[in-house]
């Protein structure tokens, strides 16, 4: 089953320490197991555009769709046997310490 890891900042997390950022190890782990399918960092939220269509009128505003201290920093798509495995994999990601990670199963169209 496919899972989306939404990687976000968290102002209440421990401060980022580049010496403890083991993203390379995480990448090797998910790569060697064939779990990682795709992913990327994202440009800063300040560069985002929010798009809404209301009553036939397209509205575009600068920035993210919500105001908050947490910002989405990136994403990964995983292929795992179940949610428990996806959570275990997410827990190894450095942003589980320096930020927060949301894990969601894909909900395929039928």
N, C-alpha and C. Protein backbone atom coordinates (compact mmCIF):
# COMPACT_ATOMS: atom_id res chain seq x y z
N UNK A 1 0.84 -1.17 0.00
CA UNK A 1 0.00 0.00 0.00
C UNK A 1 0.89 1.23 0.00
N UNK A 2 0.42 2.26 -0.68
CA UNK A 2 1.19 3.51 -0.74
C UNK A 2 0.77 4.45 0.38
N UNK A 3 1.78 5.16 0.91
CA UNK A 3 1.58 6.12 1.98
C UNK A 3 2.29 7.42 1.63
N UNK A 4 1.65 8.53 2.00
CA UNK A 4 2.24 9.85 1.85
C UNK A 4 2.78 10.28 3.20
N UNK A 5 4.04 10.63 3.24
CA UNK A 5 4.63 11.25 4.43
C UNK A 5 4.67 12.74 4.17
N UNK A 6 3.95 13.50 4.97
CA UNK A 6 3.99 14.96 4.88
C UNK A 6 4.97 15.43 5.94
N UNK A 7 6.07 16.00 5.50
CA UNK A 7 7.14 16.43 6.39
C UNK A 7 6.95 17.91 6.66
N UNK A 8 6.85 18.26 7.95
CA UNK A 8 6.55 19.65 8.31
C UNK A 8 7.48 20.14 9.42
N UNK A 9 7.59 21.44 9.50
CA UNK A 9 8.32 22.05 10.61
C UNK A 9 7.45 21.99 11.86
N UNK A 10 8.07 22.17 13.01
CA UNK A 10 7.34 22.19 14.27
C UNK A 10 8.12 23.08 15.23
N UNK A 11 7.57 24.24 15.60
CA UNK A 11 8.31 25.15 16.48
C UNK A 11 8.56 24.58 17.87
N UNK A 12 7.87 23.51 18.24
CA UNK A 12 8.05 22.90 19.56
C UNK A 12 9.03 21.73 19.55
N UNK A 13 9.58 21.40 18.39
CA UNK A 13 10.53 20.28 18.27
C UNK A 13 11.90 20.73 18.76
N UNK A 14 12.79 19.74 18.92
CA UNK A 14 14.15 20.10 19.32
C UNK A 14 14.79 20.90 18.20
N UNK A 15 15.69 21.81 18.53
CA UNK A 15 16.32 22.64 17.50
C UNK A 15 17.08 21.79 16.48
N UNK A 16 17.06 22.24 15.23
CA UNK A 16 17.76 21.53 14.17
C UNK A 16 19.25 21.56 14.43
N UNK A 17 19.90 20.41 14.26
CA UNK A 17 21.33 20.28 14.41
C UNK A 17 21.84 19.53 13.18
N UNK A 18 22.54 20.23 12.32
CA UNK A 18 23.01 19.63 11.06
C UNK A 18 23.89 18.40 11.30
N UNK A 19 24.63 18.37 12.41
CA UNK A 19 25.49 17.22 12.71
C UNK A 19 24.68 15.97 13.03
N UNK A 20 23.43 16.13 13.43
CA UNK A 20 22.57 15.00 13.78
C UNK A 20 21.54 14.69 12.69
N UNK A 21 21.64 15.39 11.59
CA UNK A 21 20.71 15.18 10.47
C UNK A 21 21.16 13.95 9.69
N UNK A 22 20.47 12.83 9.90
CA UNK A 22 20.87 11.57 9.28
C UNK A 22 20.02 11.24 8.05
N UNK A 23 19.68 12.25 7.26
CA UNK A 23 18.82 12.03 6.09
C UNK A 23 19.49 11.08 5.10
N UNK A 24 20.79 11.10 5.00
CA UNK A 24 21.49 10.17 4.12
C UNK A 24 21.29 8.73 4.55
N UNK A 25 21.37 8.47 5.84
CA UNK A 25 21.14 7.13 6.36
C UNK A 25 19.70 6.69 6.11
N UNK A 26 18.76 7.61 6.32
CA UNK A 26 17.35 7.30 6.08
C UNK A 26 17.14 6.95 4.61
N UNK A 27 17.73 7.74 3.73
CA UNK A 27 17.61 7.48 2.30
C UNK A 27 18.17 6.12 1.91
N UNK A 28 19.32 5.77 2.47
CA UNK A 28 19.90 4.45 2.19
C UNK A 28 19.00 3.33 2.71
N UNK A 29 18.41 3.53 3.89
CA UNK A 29 17.53 2.52 4.49
C UNK A 29 16.30 2.28 3.62
N UNK A 30 15.58 3.35 3.28
CA UNK A 30 14.35 3.15 2.49
C UNK A 30 14.67 2.73 1.06
N UNK A 31 15.81 3.15 0.55
CA UNK A 31 16.22 2.72 -0.78
C UNK A 31 16.56 1.25 -0.83
N UNK A 32 17.28 0.77 0.18
CA UNK A 32 17.69 -0.63 0.20
C UNK A 32 16.50 -1.57 0.38
N UNK A 33 15.46 -1.11 1.05
CA UNK A 33 14.26 -1.93 1.26
C UNK A 33 13.25 -1.79 0.11
N UNK A 34 13.51 -0.87 -0.82
CA UNK A 34 12.58 -0.65 -1.93
C UNK A 34 11.29 0.04 -1.52
N UNK A 35 11.32 0.73 -0.38
CA UNK A 35 10.13 1.38 0.16
C UNK A 35 9.88 2.75 -0.48
N UNK A 36 10.95 3.52 -0.69
CA UNK A 36 10.83 4.89 -1.16
C UNK A 36 10.49 4.92 -2.64
N UNK A 37 9.44 5.64 -3.00
CA UNK A 37 9.01 5.74 -4.40
C UNK A 37 9.26 7.12 -5.00
N UNK A 38 9.12 8.16 -4.19
CA UNK A 38 9.31 9.52 -4.68
C UNK A 38 9.31 10.46 -3.48
N UNK A 39 9.77 11.67 -3.69
CA UNK A 39 9.74 12.66 -2.63
C UNK A 39 10.62 13.84 -2.97
N UNK A 40 10.43 14.91 -2.21
CA UNK A 40 11.21 16.11 -2.47
C UNK A 40 11.03 17.11 -1.34
N UNK A 41 12.00 18.00 -1.21
CA UNK A 41 11.79 19.18 -0.37
C UNK A 41 10.88 20.11 -1.16
N UNK A 42 10.29 21.07 -0.48
CA UNK A 42 9.45 22.05 -1.15
C UNK A 42 10.02 23.44 -0.95
N UNK A 43 9.77 24.32 -1.89
CA UNK A 43 10.18 25.72 -1.77
C UNK A 43 9.46 26.32 -0.56
N UNK A 44 9.96 27.43 -0.02
CA UNK A 44 9.33 28.04 1.17
C UNK A 44 7.86 28.40 0.95
N UNK A 45 7.10 28.32 2.03
CA UNK A 45 5.66 28.60 1.97
C UNK A 45 5.36 30.01 1.44
N UNK A 46 6.28 30.93 1.68
CA UNK A 46 6.08 32.31 1.20
C UNK A 46 5.99 32.38 -0.32
N UNK A 47 6.51 31.37 -1.01
CA UNK A 47 6.46 31.34 -2.47
C UNK A 47 5.24 30.61 -3.01
N UNK A 48 4.39 30.12 -2.12
CA UNK A 48 3.21 29.36 -2.55
C UNK A 48 2.11 30.28 -3.07
N UNK A 49 1.22 29.69 -3.81
CA UNK A 49 -0.02 30.35 -4.25
C UNK A 49 -1.17 29.45 -3.81
N UNK A 50 -2.20 30.05 -3.27
CA UNK A 50 -3.39 29.30 -2.90
C UNK A 50 -4.48 29.61 -3.92
N UNK A 51 -5.09 28.57 -4.46
CA UNK A 51 -6.06 28.70 -5.55
C UNK A 51 -7.43 28.24 -5.06
N UNK A 52 -8.44 29.07 -5.30
CA UNK A 52 -9.81 28.73 -4.95
C UNK A 52 -10.72 29.13 -6.10
N UNK A 53 -11.71 28.30 -6.38
CA UNK A 53 -12.74 28.63 -7.37
C UNK A 53 -14.04 28.76 -6.60
N UNK A 54 -14.62 29.95 -6.59
CA UNK A 54 -15.86 30.23 -5.87
C UNK A 54 -16.83 30.93 -6.80
N UNK A 55 -17.99 30.31 -6.94
CA UNK A 55 -19.06 30.87 -7.78
C UNK A 55 -18.53 31.26 -9.16
N UNK A 56 -17.69 30.40 -9.72
CA UNK A 56 -17.16 30.61 -11.07
C UNK A 56 -16.01 31.59 -11.16
N UNK A 57 -15.58 32.13 -10.05
CA UNK A 57 -14.49 33.11 -10.06
C UNK A 57 -13.25 32.49 -9.43
N UNK A 58 -12.13 32.58 -10.15
CA UNK A 58 -10.86 32.04 -9.68
C UNK A 58 -10.17 33.06 -8.79
N UNK A 59 -9.86 32.65 -7.58
CA UNK A 59 -9.12 33.51 -6.67
C UNK A 59 -7.76 32.92 -6.40
N UNK A 60 -6.73 33.74 -6.48
CA UNK A 60 -5.36 33.30 -6.22
C UNK A 60 -4.76 34.26 -5.20
N UNK A 61 -4.27 33.70 -4.10
CA UNK A 61 -3.62 34.52 -3.08
C UNK A 61 -2.21 34.03 -2.86
N UNK A 62 -1.36 34.92 -2.39
CA UNK A 62 0.02 34.57 -2.09
C UNK A 62 0.08 33.83 -0.77
N UNK A 63 0.98 32.86 -0.71
CA UNK A 63 1.24 32.16 0.53
C UNK A 63 0.41 30.90 0.71
N UNK A 64 0.65 30.24 1.83
CA UNK A 64 -0.06 28.98 2.10
C UNK A 64 -1.53 29.22 2.42
N UNK A 65 -2.32 28.15 2.36
CA UNK A 65 -3.76 28.29 2.57
C UNK A 65 -4.13 28.47 4.03
N UNK A 66 -3.21 28.18 4.95
CA UNK A 66 -3.47 28.42 6.36
C UNK A 66 -2.34 29.25 6.94
N UNK A 67 -2.66 30.01 7.96
CA UNK A 67 -1.65 30.75 8.70
C UNK A 67 -1.28 29.89 9.89
N UNK A 68 -0.03 29.58 10.04
CA UNK A 68 0.38 28.76 11.16
C UNK A 68 1.88 28.81 11.32
N UNK A 69 2.34 28.31 12.44
CA UNK A 69 3.77 28.27 12.70
C UNK A 69 4.41 27.07 12.03
N UNK A 70 3.61 26.00 11.80
CA UNK A 70 4.12 24.82 11.12
C UNK A 70 3.95 25.00 9.62
N UNK A 71 4.94 24.61 8.87
CA UNK A 71 4.89 24.70 7.42
C UNK A 71 5.30 23.36 6.82
N UNK A 72 4.65 22.98 5.73
CA UNK A 72 5.03 21.77 5.02
C UNK A 72 6.37 22.02 4.35
N UNK A 73 7.33 21.15 4.64
CA UNK A 73 8.69 21.31 4.13
C UNK A 73 9.01 20.35 3.00
N UNK A 74 8.25 19.24 2.91
CA UNK A 74 8.52 18.26 1.89
C UNK A 74 7.56 17.09 2.00
N UNK A 75 7.80 16.10 1.17
CA UNK A 75 6.94 14.92 1.17
C UNK A 75 7.75 13.71 0.68
N UNK A 76 7.25 12.55 1.03
CA UNK A 76 7.79 11.29 0.51
C UNK A 76 6.64 10.36 0.26
N UNK A 77 6.77 9.55 -0.77
CA UNK A 77 5.79 8.51 -1.06
C UNK A 77 6.47 7.17 -0.78
N UNK A 78 5.83 6.38 0.06
CA UNK A 78 6.38 5.10 0.48
C UNK A 78 5.47 3.97 0.02
N UNK A 79 6.03 2.82 -0.21
CA UNK A 79 5.28 1.60 -0.49
C UNK A 79 5.58 0.66 0.68
N UNK A 80 4.60 0.50 1.58
CA UNK A 80 4.79 -0.30 2.79
C UNK A 80 3.72 -1.37 2.88
N UNK A 81 3.99 -2.37 3.68
CA UNK A 81 3.04 -3.48 3.83
C UNK A 81 1.80 -3.04 4.61
N UNK A 82 1.98 -2.10 5.54
CA UNK A 82 0.84 -1.64 6.34
C UNK A 82 1.21 -0.32 7.02
N UNK A 83 0.24 0.24 7.75
CA UNK A 83 0.46 1.52 8.42
C UNK A 83 1.56 1.43 9.48
N UNK A 84 1.64 0.31 10.17
CA UNK A 84 2.69 0.16 11.19
C UNK A 84 4.08 0.29 10.58
N UNK A 85 4.29 -0.32 9.42
CA UNK A 85 5.59 -0.20 8.77
C UNK A 85 5.83 1.23 8.33
N UNK A 86 4.82 1.91 7.80
CA UNK A 86 4.96 3.30 7.36
C UNK A 86 5.32 4.21 8.55
N UNK A 87 4.70 3.98 9.69
CA UNK A 87 5.00 4.76 10.89
C UNK A 87 6.44 4.49 11.35
N UNK A 88 6.86 3.25 11.30
CA UNK A 88 8.23 2.90 11.69
C UNK A 88 9.24 3.60 10.78
N UNK A 89 8.98 3.60 9.50
CA UNK A 89 9.87 4.27 8.54
C UNK A 89 9.88 5.77 8.79
N UNK A 90 8.71 6.37 9.02
CA UNK A 90 8.63 7.81 9.30
C UNK A 90 9.39 8.16 10.58
N UNK A 91 9.35 7.28 11.56
CA UNK A 91 10.04 7.53 12.82
C UNK A 91 11.55 7.55 12.70
N UNK A 92 12.09 7.00 11.63
CA UNK A 92 13.54 7.01 11.38
C UNK A 92 13.99 8.29 10.68
N UNK A 93 13.04 9.04 10.10
CA UNK A 93 13.36 10.27 9.36
C UNK A 93 13.82 11.35 10.35
N UNK A 94 14.87 12.12 10.02
CA UNK A 94 15.34 13.14 10.97
C UNK A 94 14.28 14.18 11.33
N UNK A 95 13.34 14.44 10.43
CA UNK A 95 12.32 15.44 10.77
C UNK A 95 11.31 14.93 11.78
N UNK A 96 11.35 13.64 12.11
CA UNK A 96 10.53 13.16 13.23
C UNK A 96 11.04 13.78 14.54
N UNK A 97 12.34 14.13 14.58
CA UNK A 97 12.94 14.81 15.73
C UNK A 97 12.89 16.31 15.61
N UNK A 98 13.26 16.82 14.43
CA UNK A 98 13.41 18.27 14.24
C UNK A 98 12.12 18.94 13.78
N UNK A 99 11.10 18.17 13.47
CA UNK A 99 9.83 18.71 12.98
C UNK A 99 8.71 17.76 13.34
N UNK A 100 7.90 17.43 12.36
CA UNK A 100 6.83 16.45 12.56
C UNK A 100 6.49 15.82 11.21
N UNK A 101 5.98 14.61 11.26
CA UNK A 101 5.64 13.89 10.04
C UNK A 101 4.24 13.32 10.17
N UNK A 102 3.42 13.58 9.18
CA UNK A 102 2.08 12.99 9.11
C UNK A 102 2.15 11.88 8.07
N UNK A 103 1.58 10.73 8.39
CA UNK A 103 1.57 9.59 7.48
C UNK A 103 0.12 9.29 7.12
N UNK A 104 -0.17 9.25 5.83
CA UNK A 104 -1.53 8.95 5.36
C UNK A 104 -1.49 7.94 4.23
N UNK A 105 -2.40 6.98 4.30
CA UNK A 105 -2.53 6.00 3.21
C UNK A 105 -3.19 6.66 2.01
N UNK A 106 -2.77 6.24 0.83
CA UNK A 106 -3.45 6.68 -0.38
C UNK A 106 -4.87 6.11 -0.37
N UNK A 107 -5.79 6.82 -0.92
CA UNK A 107 -7.19 6.40 -1.03
C UNK A 107 -7.51 6.37 -2.51
N UNK A 108 -7.23 5.25 -3.17
CA UNK A 108 -7.36 5.19 -4.64
C UNK A 108 -8.78 5.43 -5.11
N UNK A 109 -8.89 6.06 -6.27
CA UNK A 109 -10.18 6.18 -6.94
C UNK A 109 -10.57 4.80 -7.45
N UNK A 110 -11.86 4.49 -7.40
CA UNK A 110 -12.27 3.17 -7.85
C UNK A 110 -13.20 3.27 -9.02
